[in-house]
């Protein structure tokens, strides 16, 4: 795990950032079915899981290995709907993904106004700023936020933004 940041100021302007990340980590993509609206590309991780096979979509049938579709880059390996086989759920290196990422955890931009104009209004200083958290994430892993670990069914990391004014009298 690592983190780094910087702060710069120039003629009343300032910027500060914090980056965080992790390297050399693998994610065993073994969470239960993740519906498309939660970030998976049209399908869940474990196909044909659960009662009634919830959330299964056409992409599972179209992007899996079969004798008619022997592509080595198919997203899913050979699958079965047989209830006596657990081959769809076995952990293997096929489901081990690179979980490394770097995230712009915090960014703040601001401007300090210390001028005669604001002193006439009875103010000593006026500072205007905008800041945000969790703004950008760079990762090879695209199914869900890599900081969630191996199960993407958890609540995602939130992005926030703030606009503010600090006044000194």
N, C-alpha and C. Protein backbone atom coordinates (compact mmCIF):
# COMPACT_ATOMS: atom_id res chain seq x y z
N UNK A 1 0.86 -1.17 0.00
CA UNK A 1 0.00 0.00 0.00
C UNK A 1 0.90 1.23 0.00
N UNK A 2 0.45 2.27 -0.65
CA UNK A 2 1.25 3.48 -0.71
C UNK A 2 0.33 4.70 -0.83
N UNK A 3 0.92 5.83 -0.59
CA UNK A 3 0.22 7.09 -0.75
C UNK A 3 1.24 8.19 -0.96
N UNK A 4 0.84 9.20 -1.67
CA UNK A 4 1.71 10.35 -1.90
C UNK A 4 0.82 11.56 -2.22
N UNK A 5 1.36 12.71 -2.04
CA UNK A 5 0.61 13.91 -2.33
C UNK A 5 1.52 15.11 -2.42
N UNK A 6 0.92 16.24 -2.71
CA UNK A 6 1.70 17.48 -2.75
C UNK A 6 0.75 18.65 -2.52
N UNK A 7 1.36 19.76 -2.16
CA UNK A 7 0.65 21.03 -2.00
C UNK A 7 1.50 22.12 -2.64
N UNK A 8 0.86 22.98 -3.41
CA UNK A 8 1.53 24.10 -4.05
C UNK A 8 0.71 25.37 -3.84
N UNK A 9 1.41 26.49 -3.70
CA UNK A 9 0.75 27.79 -3.59
C UNK A 9 1.48 28.78 -4.49
N UNK A 10 0.69 29.68 -5.14
CA UNK A 10 1.30 30.68 -6.00
C UNK A 10 0.32 31.84 -6.17
N UNK A 11 0.71 33.01 -5.73
CA UNK A 11 -0.07 34.24 -5.88
C UNK A 11 -1.53 34.07 -5.46
N UNK A 12 -1.75 33.51 -4.30
CA UNK A 12 -3.10 33.35 -3.78
C UNK A 12 -3.79 32.07 -4.19
N UNK A 13 -3.29 31.38 -5.20
CA UNK A 13 -3.88 30.10 -5.62
C UNK A 13 -3.17 28.97 -4.87
N UNK A 14 -3.89 27.92 -4.57
CA UNK A 14 -3.26 26.74 -3.99
C UNK A 14 -3.95 25.48 -4.50
N UNK A 15 -3.19 24.41 -4.50
CA UNK A 15 -3.69 23.10 -4.90
C UNK A 15 -3.05 22.07 -3.97
N UNK A 16 -3.83 21.10 -3.56
CA UNK A 16 -3.26 19.99 -2.78
C UNK A 16 -3.93 18.71 -3.25
N UNK A 17 -3.14 17.64 -3.26
CA UNK A 17 -3.65 16.34 -3.71
C UNK A 17 -3.15 15.25 -2.78
N UNK A 18 -3.87 14.14 -2.81
CA UNK A 18 -3.45 12.92 -2.14
C UNK A 18 -3.81 11.76 -3.06
N UNK A 19 -2.81 10.97 -3.40
CA UNK A 19 -3.01 9.76 -4.18
C UNK A 19 -2.77 8.57 -3.26
N UNK A 20 -3.57 7.53 -3.41
CA UNK A 20 -3.34 6.30 -2.65
C UNK A 20 -3.46 5.14 -3.60
N UNK A 21 -2.85 4.04 -3.24
CA UNK A 21 -2.95 2.88 -4.10
C UNK A 21 -2.40 1.64 -3.44
N UNK A 22 -2.43 0.58 -4.21
CA UNK A 22 -1.91 -0.70 -3.76
C UNK A 22 -1.35 -1.40 -4.99
N UNK A 23 -0.25 -2.10 -4.80
CA UNK A 23 0.39 -2.83 -5.90
C UNK A 23 0.63 -4.26 -5.45
N UNK A 24 0.78 -5.15 -6.42
CA UNK A 24 1.12 -6.53 -6.11
C UNK A 24 0.03 -7.29 -5.40
N UNK A 25 -1.22 -7.00 -5.70
CA UNK A 25 -2.34 -7.68 -5.05
C UNK A 25 -3.21 -8.36 -6.10
N UNK A 26 -3.68 -9.54 -5.78
CA UNK A 26 -4.59 -10.25 -6.67
C UNK A 26 -5.97 -10.33 -6.06
N UNK A 27 -6.99 -10.29 -6.90
CA UNK A 27 -8.37 -10.43 -6.45
C UNK A 27 -8.92 -11.73 -7.02
N UNK A 28 -9.44 -12.60 -6.14
CA UNK A 28 -10.11 -13.79 -6.60
C UNK A 28 -11.57 -13.39 -6.81
N UNK A 29 -11.94 -13.28 -8.05
CA UNK A 29 -13.28 -12.80 -8.39
C UNK A 29 -14.25 -13.94 -8.12
N UNK A 30 -14.74 -13.96 -6.88
CA UNK A 30 -15.58 -15.08 -6.47
C UNK A 30 -16.87 -14.64 -5.82
N UNK A 31 -17.26 -13.39 -6.02
CA UNK A 31 -18.50 -12.92 -5.44
C UNK A 31 -19.70 -13.55 -6.11
N UNK A 32 -20.84 -13.47 -5.46
CA UNK A 32 -22.06 -14.01 -6.05
C UNK A 32 -22.47 -13.15 -7.24
N UNK A 33 -23.54 -13.53 -7.89
CA UNK A 33 -23.99 -12.80 -9.08
C UNK A 33 -24.10 -11.31 -8.78
N UNK A 34 -23.52 -10.52 -9.62
CA UNK A 34 -23.58 -9.07 -9.52
C UNK A 34 -24.42 -8.57 -10.69
N UNK A 35 -25.58 -7.97 -10.42
CA UNK A 35 -26.40 -7.50 -11.54
C UNK A 35 -25.72 -6.39 -12.33
N UNK A 36 -26.13 -6.23 -13.56
CA UNK A 36 -25.51 -5.25 -14.45
C UNK A 36 -25.61 -3.84 -13.88
N UNK A 37 -26.69 -3.51 -13.17
CA UNK A 37 -26.82 -2.16 -12.66
C UNK A 37 -25.82 -1.87 -11.54
N UNK A 38 -25.12 -2.89 -11.03
CA UNK A 38 -24.13 -2.67 -9.98
C UNK A 38 -22.71 -2.59 -10.53
N UNK A 39 -22.56 -2.55 -11.84
CA UNK A 39 -21.25 -2.29 -12.40
C UNK A 39 -20.66 -3.40 -13.24
N UNK A 40 -21.20 -4.61 -13.16
CA UNK A 40 -20.64 -5.68 -13.98
C UNK A 40 -21.06 -5.47 -15.43
N UNK A 41 -20.23 -5.90 -16.38
CA UNK A 41 -20.54 -5.64 -17.79
C UNK A 41 -21.62 -6.57 -18.31
N UNK A 42 -22.83 -6.38 -17.84
CA UNK A 42 -23.97 -7.13 -18.37
C UNK A 42 -24.23 -8.45 -17.70
N UNK A 43 -23.38 -8.90 -16.80
CA UNK A 43 -23.60 -10.18 -16.16
C UNK A 43 -22.86 -10.24 -14.84
N UNK A 44 -23.16 -11.26 -14.08
CA UNK A 44 -22.50 -11.45 -12.81
C UNK A 44 -21.23 -12.24 -12.96
N UNK A 45 -20.62 -12.55 -11.84
CA UNK A 45 -19.36 -13.26 -11.84
C UNK A 45 -19.59 -14.76 -11.92
N UNK A 46 -20.50 -15.28 -11.10
CA UNK A 46 -20.77 -16.71 -11.09
C UNK A 46 -22.07 -16.95 -11.84
N UNK A 47 -22.00 -17.51 -13.02
CA UNK A 47 -23.22 -17.73 -13.80
C UNK A 47 -24.05 -18.87 -13.23
N UNK A 48 -25.34 -18.78 -13.45
CA UNK A 48 -26.31 -19.80 -13.05
C UNK A 48 -26.30 -20.02 -11.54
N UNK A 49 -26.04 -18.97 -10.77
CA UNK A 49 -26.02 -19.08 -9.31
C UNK A 49 -27.36 -18.68 -8.74
N UNK A 50 -27.76 -19.33 -7.68
CA UNK A 50 -28.97 -18.97 -6.96
C UNK A 50 -30.21 -19.62 -7.51
N UNK A 51 -31.26 -19.48 -6.78
CA UNK A 51 -32.55 -20.06 -7.14
C UNK A 51 -33.11 -19.33 -8.35
N UNK A 52 -33.46 -20.05 -9.36
CA UNK A 52 -34.03 -19.44 -10.55
C UNK A 52 -33.01 -18.73 -11.42
N UNK A 53 -31.72 -18.90 -11.12
CA UNK A 53 -30.66 -18.27 -11.89
C UNK A 53 -30.89 -16.78 -12.08
N UNK A 54 -30.93 -16.00 -11.02
CA UNK A 54 -31.18 -14.56 -11.18
C UNK A 54 -30.06 -13.85 -11.91
N UNK A 55 -30.40 -12.80 -12.61
CA UNK A 55 -29.48 -11.89 -13.28
C UNK A 55 -28.71 -12.49 -14.44
N UNK A 56 -29.05 -13.69 -14.88
CA UNK A 56 -28.36 -14.24 -16.04
C UNK A 56 -28.86 -13.54 -17.28
N UNK A 57 -27.94 -13.18 -18.13
CA UNK A 57 -28.27 -12.44 -19.34
C UNK A 57 -27.62 -13.11 -20.54
N UNK A 58 -27.96 -12.62 -21.70
CA UNK A 58 -27.50 -13.22 -22.95
C UNK A 58 -25.98 -13.20 -23.08
N UNK A 59 -25.31 -12.23 -22.45
CA UNK A 59 -23.86 -12.16 -22.59
C UNK A 59 -23.16 -13.41 -22.03
N UNK A 60 -23.77 -14.07 -21.05
CA UNK A 60 -23.18 -15.32 -20.53
C UNK A 60 -23.21 -16.37 -21.62
N UNK A 61 -24.33 -16.50 -22.29
CA UNK A 61 -24.45 -17.51 -23.34
C UNK A 61 -23.56 -17.18 -24.53
N UNK A 62 -23.39 -15.91 -24.84
CA UNK A 62 -22.63 -15.53 -26.02
C UNK A 62 -21.13 -15.44 -25.79
N UNK A 63 -20.70 -15.15 -24.57
CA UNK A 63 -19.28 -14.95 -24.31
C UNK A 63 -18.73 -16.04 -23.39
N UNK A 64 -18.94 -17.29 -23.76
CA UNK A 64 -18.41 -18.43 -23.01
C UNK A 64 -17.79 -19.40 -24.00
N UNK A 65 -16.91 -20.24 -23.48
CA UNK A 65 -16.26 -21.23 -24.33
C UNK A 65 -17.23 -22.35 -24.64
N UNK A 66 -17.33 -22.71 -25.91
CA UNK A 66 -18.08 -23.89 -26.35
C UNK A 66 -17.31 -24.48 -27.52
N UNK A 67 -17.72 -25.67 -27.94
CA UNK A 67 -17.08 -26.27 -29.11
C UNK A 67 -17.33 -25.40 -30.34
N UNK A 68 -18.48 -24.74 -30.40
CA UNK A 68 -18.79 -23.84 -31.51
C UNK A 68 -18.13 -22.47 -31.36
N UNK A 69 -17.73 -22.11 -30.14
CA UNK A 69 -17.10 -20.83 -29.85
C UNK A 69 -15.81 -21.10 -29.06
N UNK A 70 -14.77 -21.65 -29.70
CA UNK A 70 -13.57 -22.06 -28.98
C UNK A 70 -12.56 -20.94 -28.73
N UNK A 71 -13.03 -19.70 -28.62
CA UNK A 71 -12.12 -18.57 -28.41
C UNK A 71 -11.42 -18.69 -27.06
N UNK A 72 -10.12 -18.46 -27.06
CA UNK A 72 -9.34 -18.50 -25.82
C UNK A 72 -9.61 -17.27 -24.94
N UNK A 73 -10.11 -16.18 -25.55
CA UNK A 73 -10.36 -14.97 -24.77
C UNK A 73 -11.83 -14.82 -24.36
N UNK A 74 -12.61 -15.88 -24.46
CA UNK A 74 -14.01 -15.82 -24.00
C UNK A 74 -14.01 -15.47 -22.51
N UNK A 75 -14.97 -14.65 -22.09
CA UNK A 75 -14.99 -14.21 -20.69
C UNK A 75 -15.23 -15.38 -19.75
N UNK A 76 -16.19 -16.24 -20.09
CA UNK A 76 -16.49 -17.39 -19.25
C UNK A 76 -15.89 -18.66 -19.84
N UNK A 77 -15.43 -19.56 -18.99
CA UNK A 77 -14.98 -20.86 -19.49
C UNK A 77 -16.19 -21.72 -19.84
N UNK A 78 -15.97 -23.02 -20.06
CA UNK A 78 -17.08 -23.94 -20.34
C UNK A 78 -18.01 -23.95 -19.12
N UNK A 79 -19.28 -23.74 -19.35
CA UNK A 79 -20.26 -23.67 -18.27
C UNK A 79 -21.27 -24.79 -18.40
N UNK A 80 -21.94 -25.06 -17.29
CA UNK A 80 -23.00 -26.05 -17.30
C UNK A 80 -24.13 -25.58 -16.41
N UNK A 81 -25.35 -26.02 -16.72
CA UNK A 81 -26.49 -25.73 -15.86
C UNK A 81 -26.85 -26.97 -15.05
N UNK A 82 -26.05 -28.02 -15.15
CA UNK A 82 -26.31 -29.25 -14.40
C UNK A 82 -26.20 -28.97 -12.91
N UNK A 83 -27.17 -29.44 -12.15
CA UNK A 83 -27.17 -29.21 -10.70
C UNK A 83 -26.20 -30.14 -9.97
N UNK A 84 -25.71 -31.16 -10.63
CA UNK A 84 -24.76 -32.09 -9.99
C UNK A 84 -23.32 -31.66 -10.17
N UNK A 85 -23.05 -30.59 -10.88
CA UNK A 85 -21.68 -30.14 -11.13
C UNK A 85 -21.45 -28.80 -10.45
N UNK A 86 -20.30 -28.67 -9.81
CA UNK A 86 -19.95 -27.37 -9.22
C UNK A 86 -18.82 -26.69 -9.99
N UNK A 87 -18.59 -27.10 -11.22
CA UNK A 87 -17.50 -26.55 -12.02
C UNK A 87 -17.63 -25.05 -12.25
N UNK A 88 -18.85 -24.54 -12.24
CA UNK A 88 -19.04 -23.10 -12.45
C UNK A 88 -18.52 -22.28 -11.27
N UNK A 89 -18.29 -22.91 -10.11
CA UNK A 89 -17.97 -22.18 -8.89
C UNK A 89 -16.57 -22.43 -8.37
N UNK A 90 -15.77 -23.25 -9.04
CA UNK A 90 -14.44 -23.58 -8.55
C UNK A 90 -13.48 -22.40 -8.72
N UNK A 91 -12.73 -22.10 -7.64
CA UNK A 91 -11.70 -21.08 -7.74
C UNK A 91 -10.54 -21.61 -8.57
N UNK A 92 -10.01 -20.78 -9.42
CA UNK A 92 -8.85 -21.15 -10.23
C UNK A 92 -8.14 -19.87 -10.62
N UNK A 93 -6.97 -20.02 -11.21
CA UNK A 93 -6.23 -18.85 -11.64
C UNK A 93 -6.98 -18.09 -12.73
N UNK A 94 -7.97 -18.73 -13.35
CA UNK A 94 -8.81 -18.06 -14.36
C UNK A 94 -9.51 -16.85 -13.76
N UNK A 95 -9.88 -16.93 -12.49
CA UNK A 95 -10.62 -15.86 -11.82
C UNK A 95 -9.74 -14.96 -10.97
N UNK A 96 -8.42 -15.18 -11.00
CA UNK A 96 -7.49 -14.33 -10.26
C UNK A 96 -7.14 -13.13 -11.13
N UNK A 97 -7.50 -11.96 -10.66
CA UNK A 97 -7.32 -10.72 -11.44
C UNK A 97 -6.35 -9.78 -10.72
N UNK A 98 -5.70 -8.92 -11.48
CA UNK A 98 -4.79 -7.92 -10.94
C UNK A 98 -5.61 -6.84 -10.23
N UNK A 99 -5.44 -6.73 -8.92
CA UNK A 99 -6.21 -5.76 -8.13
C UNK A 99 -5.47 -4.48 -7.83
N UNK A 100 -4.33 -4.24 -8.48
CA UNK A 100 -3.57 -3.01 -8.24
C UNK A 100 -4.35 -1.80 -8.73
N UNK A 101 -4.22 -0.70 -8.01
CA UNK A 101 -4.87 0.54 -8.45
C UNK A 101 -4.16 1.73 -7.85
N UNK A 102 -4.41 2.88 -8.45
CA UNK A 102 -4.02 4.16 -7.87
C UNK A 102 -5.24 5.06 -7.97
N UNK A 103 -5.52 5.77 -6.89
CA UNK A 103 -6.72 6.60 -6.81
C UNK A 103 -6.34 8.02 -6.42
N UNK A 104 -6.97 8.98 -7.09
CA UNK A 104 -6.88 10.37 -6.65
C UNK A 104 -7.86 10.49 -5.49
N UNK A 105 -7.35 10.33 -4.29
CA UNK A 105 -8.19 10.27 -3.09
C UNK A 105 -8.73 11.64 -2.71
N UNK A 106 -7.91 12.65 -2.86
CA UNK A 106 -8.34 14.00 -2.47
C UNK A 106 -7.69 15.03 -3.37
N UNK A 107 -8.48 16.02 -3.78
CA UNK A 107 -8.00 17.15 -4.57
C UNK A 107 -8.68 18.40 -4.04
N UNK A 108 -7.90 19.43 -3.83
CA UNK A 108 -8.45 20.70 -3.35
C UNK A 108 -7.80 21.84 -4.13
N UNK A 109 -8.63 22.74 -4.64
CA UNK A 109 -8.17 23.94 -5.34
C UNK A 109 -8.77 25.15 -4.61
N UNK A 110 -7.95 26.17 -4.40
CA UNK A 110 -8.46 27.33 -3.69
C UNK A 110 -7.80 28.62 -4.13
N UNK A 111 -8.45 29.73 -3.74
CA UNK A 111 -7.92 31.06 -4.05
C UNK A 111 -8.18 31.97 -2.85
N UNK A 112 -7.12 32.62 -2.35
CA UNK A 112 -7.23 33.56 -1.23
C UNK A 112 -7.27 34.98 -1.77
N UNK A 113 -8.24 35.72 -1.30
CA UNK A 113 -8.35 37.13 -1.69
C UNK A 113 -8.03 37.97 -0.46
N UNK A 114 -6.93 38.66 -0.52
CA UNK A 114 -6.55 39.59 0.54
C UNK A 114 -6.28 40.92 -0.18
N UNK A 115 -7.30 41.73 -0.28
CA UNK A 115 -7.18 42.96 -1.05
C UNK A 115 -7.91 44.09 -0.33
N UNK A 116 -7.64 45.26 -0.80
CA UNK A 116 -8.29 46.43 -0.20
C UNK A 116 -9.79 46.39 -0.38
N UNK A 117 -10.27 45.80 -1.47
CA UNK A 117 -11.71 45.75 -1.72
C UNK A 117 -12.45 45.00 -0.62
N UNK A 118 -11.90 43.88 -0.16
CA UNK A 118 -12.61 43.13 0.88
C UNK A 118 -12.42 43.77 2.25
N UNK A 119 -11.33 44.49 2.43
CA UNK A 119 -11.13 45.20 3.70
C UNK A 119 -12.17 46.30 3.87
N UNK A 120 -12.60 46.90 2.76
CA UNK A 120 -13.64 47.92 2.81
C UNK A 120 -14.98 47.32 3.23
N UNK A 121 -15.14 46.00 2.98
CA UNK A 121 -16.37 45.31 3.39
C UNK A 121 -16.28 44.82 4.83
N UNK A 122 -15.17 45.10 5.50
CA UNK A 122 -15.00 44.68 6.89
C UNK A 122 -14.43 43.27 7.03
N UNK A 123 -13.82 42.75 5.98
CA UNK A 123 -13.26 41.39 6.01
C UNK A 123 -11.74 41.46 5.98
N UNK A 124 -11.10 40.55 6.70
CA UNK A 124 -9.63 40.45 6.66
C UNK A 124 -9.17 39.60 5.48
N UNK A 125 -9.89 38.52 5.22
CA UNK A 125 -9.53 37.66 4.10
C UNK A 125 -10.75 36.88 3.64
N UNK A 126 -10.67 36.44 2.42
CA UNK A 126 -11.74 35.64 1.81
C UNK A 126 -11.06 34.51 1.02
N UNK A 127 -11.44 33.29 1.32
CA UNK A 127 -10.85 32.12 0.67
C UNK A 127 -11.98 31.31 0.03
N UNK A 128 -11.85 31.04 -1.26
CA UNK A 128 -12.85 30.28 -2.01
C UNK A 128 -12.17 28.98 -2.45
N UNK A 129 -12.86 27.86 -2.27
CA UNK A 129 -12.23 26.59 -2.61
C UNK A 129 -13.25 25.58 -3.14
N UNK A 130 -12.72 24.60 -3.83
CA UNK A 130 -13.48 23.44 -4.28
C UNK A 130 -12.63 22.22 -3.97
N UNK A 131 -13.25 21.17 -3.47
CA UNK A 131 -12.49 19.96 -3.16
C UNK A 131 -13.33 18.74 -3.47
N UNK A 132 -12.66 17.62 -3.63
CA UNK A 132 -13.36 16.38 -3.91
C UNK A 132 -12.56 15.19 -3.39
N UNK A 133 -13.26 14.10 -3.14
CA UNK A 133 -12.62 12.85 -2.70
C UNK A 133 -13.02 11.73 -3.64
N UNK A 134 -12.12 10.79 -3.80
CA UNK A 134 -12.34 9.60 -4.65
C UNK A 134 -12.73 9.99 -6.07
N UNK A 135 -11.98 10.89 -6.67
CA UNK A 135 -12.35 11.45 -7.97
C UNK A 135 -11.99 10.55 -9.14
N UNK A 136 -10.83 9.92 -9.12
CA UNK A 136 -10.38 9.09 -10.24
C UNK A 136 -9.74 7.82 -9.70
N UNK A 137 -9.95 6.71 -10.41
CA UNK A 137 -9.28 5.46 -10.08
C UNK A 137 -8.71 4.87 -11.36
N UNK A 138 -7.44 4.52 -11.32
CA UNK A 138 -6.77 3.90 -12.46
C UNK A 138 -6.45 2.46 -12.09
N UNK A 139 -7.00 1.51 -12.85
CA UNK A 139 -6.81 0.09 -12.56
C UNK A 139 -7.10 -0.73 -13.80
N UNK A 140 -6.44 -1.87 -13.94
CA UNK A 140 -6.76 -2.81 -15.02
C UNK A 140 -8.07 -3.53 -14.72
N UNK A 141 -8.42 -3.63 -13.45
CA UNK A 141 -9.63 -4.34 -13.02
C UNK A 141 -10.84 -3.43 -13.21
N UNK A 142 -11.82 -3.86 -14.00
CA UNK A 142 -12.94 -2.99 -14.36
C UNK A 142 -14.31 -3.46 -13.86
N UNK A 143 -14.42 -4.64 -13.26
CA UNK A 143 -15.74 -5.12 -12.86
C UNK A 143 -16.37 -4.30 -11.74
N UNK A 144 -15.57 -3.92 -10.75
CA UNK A 144 -16.04 -3.07 -9.66
C UNK A 144 -14.84 -2.36 -9.07
N UNK A 145 -15.07 -1.54 -8.07
CA UNK A 145 -13.97 -0.80 -7.44
C UNK A 145 -13.00 -1.80 -6.82
N UNK A 146 -11.72 -1.79 -7.23
CA UNK A 146 -10.78 -2.78 -6.72
C UNK A 146 -10.53 -2.69 -5.22
N UNK A 147 -10.83 -1.55 -4.62
CA UNK A 147 -10.65 -1.41 -3.17
C UNK A 147 -11.67 -2.27 -2.39
N UNK A 148 -12.74 -2.71 -3.06
CA UNK A 148 -13.74 -3.56 -2.41
C UNK A 148 -13.24 -4.98 -2.22
N UNK A 149 -12.15 -5.35 -2.87
CA UNK A 149 -11.63 -6.70 -2.73
C UNK A 149 -12.30 -7.67 -3.68
N UNK A 150 -12.41 -8.92 -3.25
CA UNK A 150 -12.88 -9.99 -4.13
C UNK A 150 -14.38 -10.04 -4.33
N UNK A 151 -15.16 -9.35 -3.53
CA UNK A 151 -16.61 -9.42 -3.67
C UNK A 151 -17.17 -8.04 -3.98
N UNK A 152 -17.57 -7.83 -5.21
CA UNK A 152 -18.07 -6.53 -5.65
C UNK A 152 -19.49 -6.24 -5.23
N UNK A 153 -20.11 -7.11 -4.45
CA UNK A 153 -21.49 -6.87 -4.01
C UNK A 153 -21.55 -5.92 -2.83
N UNK A 154 -20.41 -5.40 -2.39
CA UNK A 154 -20.38 -4.44 -1.29
C UNK A 154 -20.74 -3.05 -1.78
N UNK A 155 -21.09 -2.17 -0.85
CA UNK A 155 -21.43 -0.80 -1.22
C UNK A 155 -20.20 -0.10 -1.78
N UNK A 156 -20.30 0.55 -2.93
CA UNK A 156 -19.12 1.16 -3.56
C UNK A 156 -18.59 2.36 -2.79
N UNK A 157 -17.33 2.67 -3.02
CA UNK A 157 -16.69 3.84 -2.44
C UNK A 157 -17.38 5.07 -3.04
N UNK A 158 -17.74 6.03 -2.20
CA UNK A 158 -18.47 7.20 -2.69
C UNK A 158 -17.53 8.32 -3.12
N UNK A 159 -17.99 9.08 -4.09
CA UNK A 159 -17.31 10.27 -4.56
C UNK A 159 -18.02 11.47 -3.94
N UNK A 160 -17.26 12.42 -3.45
CA UNK A 160 -17.88 13.62 -2.88
C UNK A 160 -17.22 14.86 -3.43
N UNK A 161 -17.96 15.94 -3.43
CA UNK A 161 -17.46 17.24 -3.85
C UNK A 161 -17.92 18.32 -2.89
N UNK A 162 -17.09 19.31 -2.69
CA UNK A 162 -17.41 20.40 -1.77
C UNK A 162 -17.00 21.72 -2.41
N UNK A 163 -17.87 22.69 -2.28
CA UNK A 163 -17.59 24.06 -2.70
C UNK A 163 -17.75 24.90 -1.45
N UNK A 164 -16.74 25.72 -1.14
CA UNK A 164 -16.83 26.47 0.10
C UNK A 164 -16.20 27.84 0.05
N UNK A 165 -16.52 28.62 1.08
CA UNK A 165 -15.98 29.96 1.25
C UNK A 165 -15.60 30.09 2.72
N UNK A 166 -14.38 30.58 2.97
CA UNK A 166 -13.93 30.83 4.35
C UNK A 166 -13.68 32.32 4.47
N UNK A 167 -14.34 32.93 5.44
CA UNK A 167 -14.24 34.37 5.64
C UNK A 167 -13.65 34.65 7.01
N UNK A 168 -12.66 35.55 7.07
CA UNK A 168 -12.10 36.01 8.34
C UNK A 168 -12.45 37.46 8.53
N UNK A 169 -13.03 37.77 9.69
CA UNK A 169 -13.41 39.15 10.00
C UNK A 169 -12.34 39.85 10.80
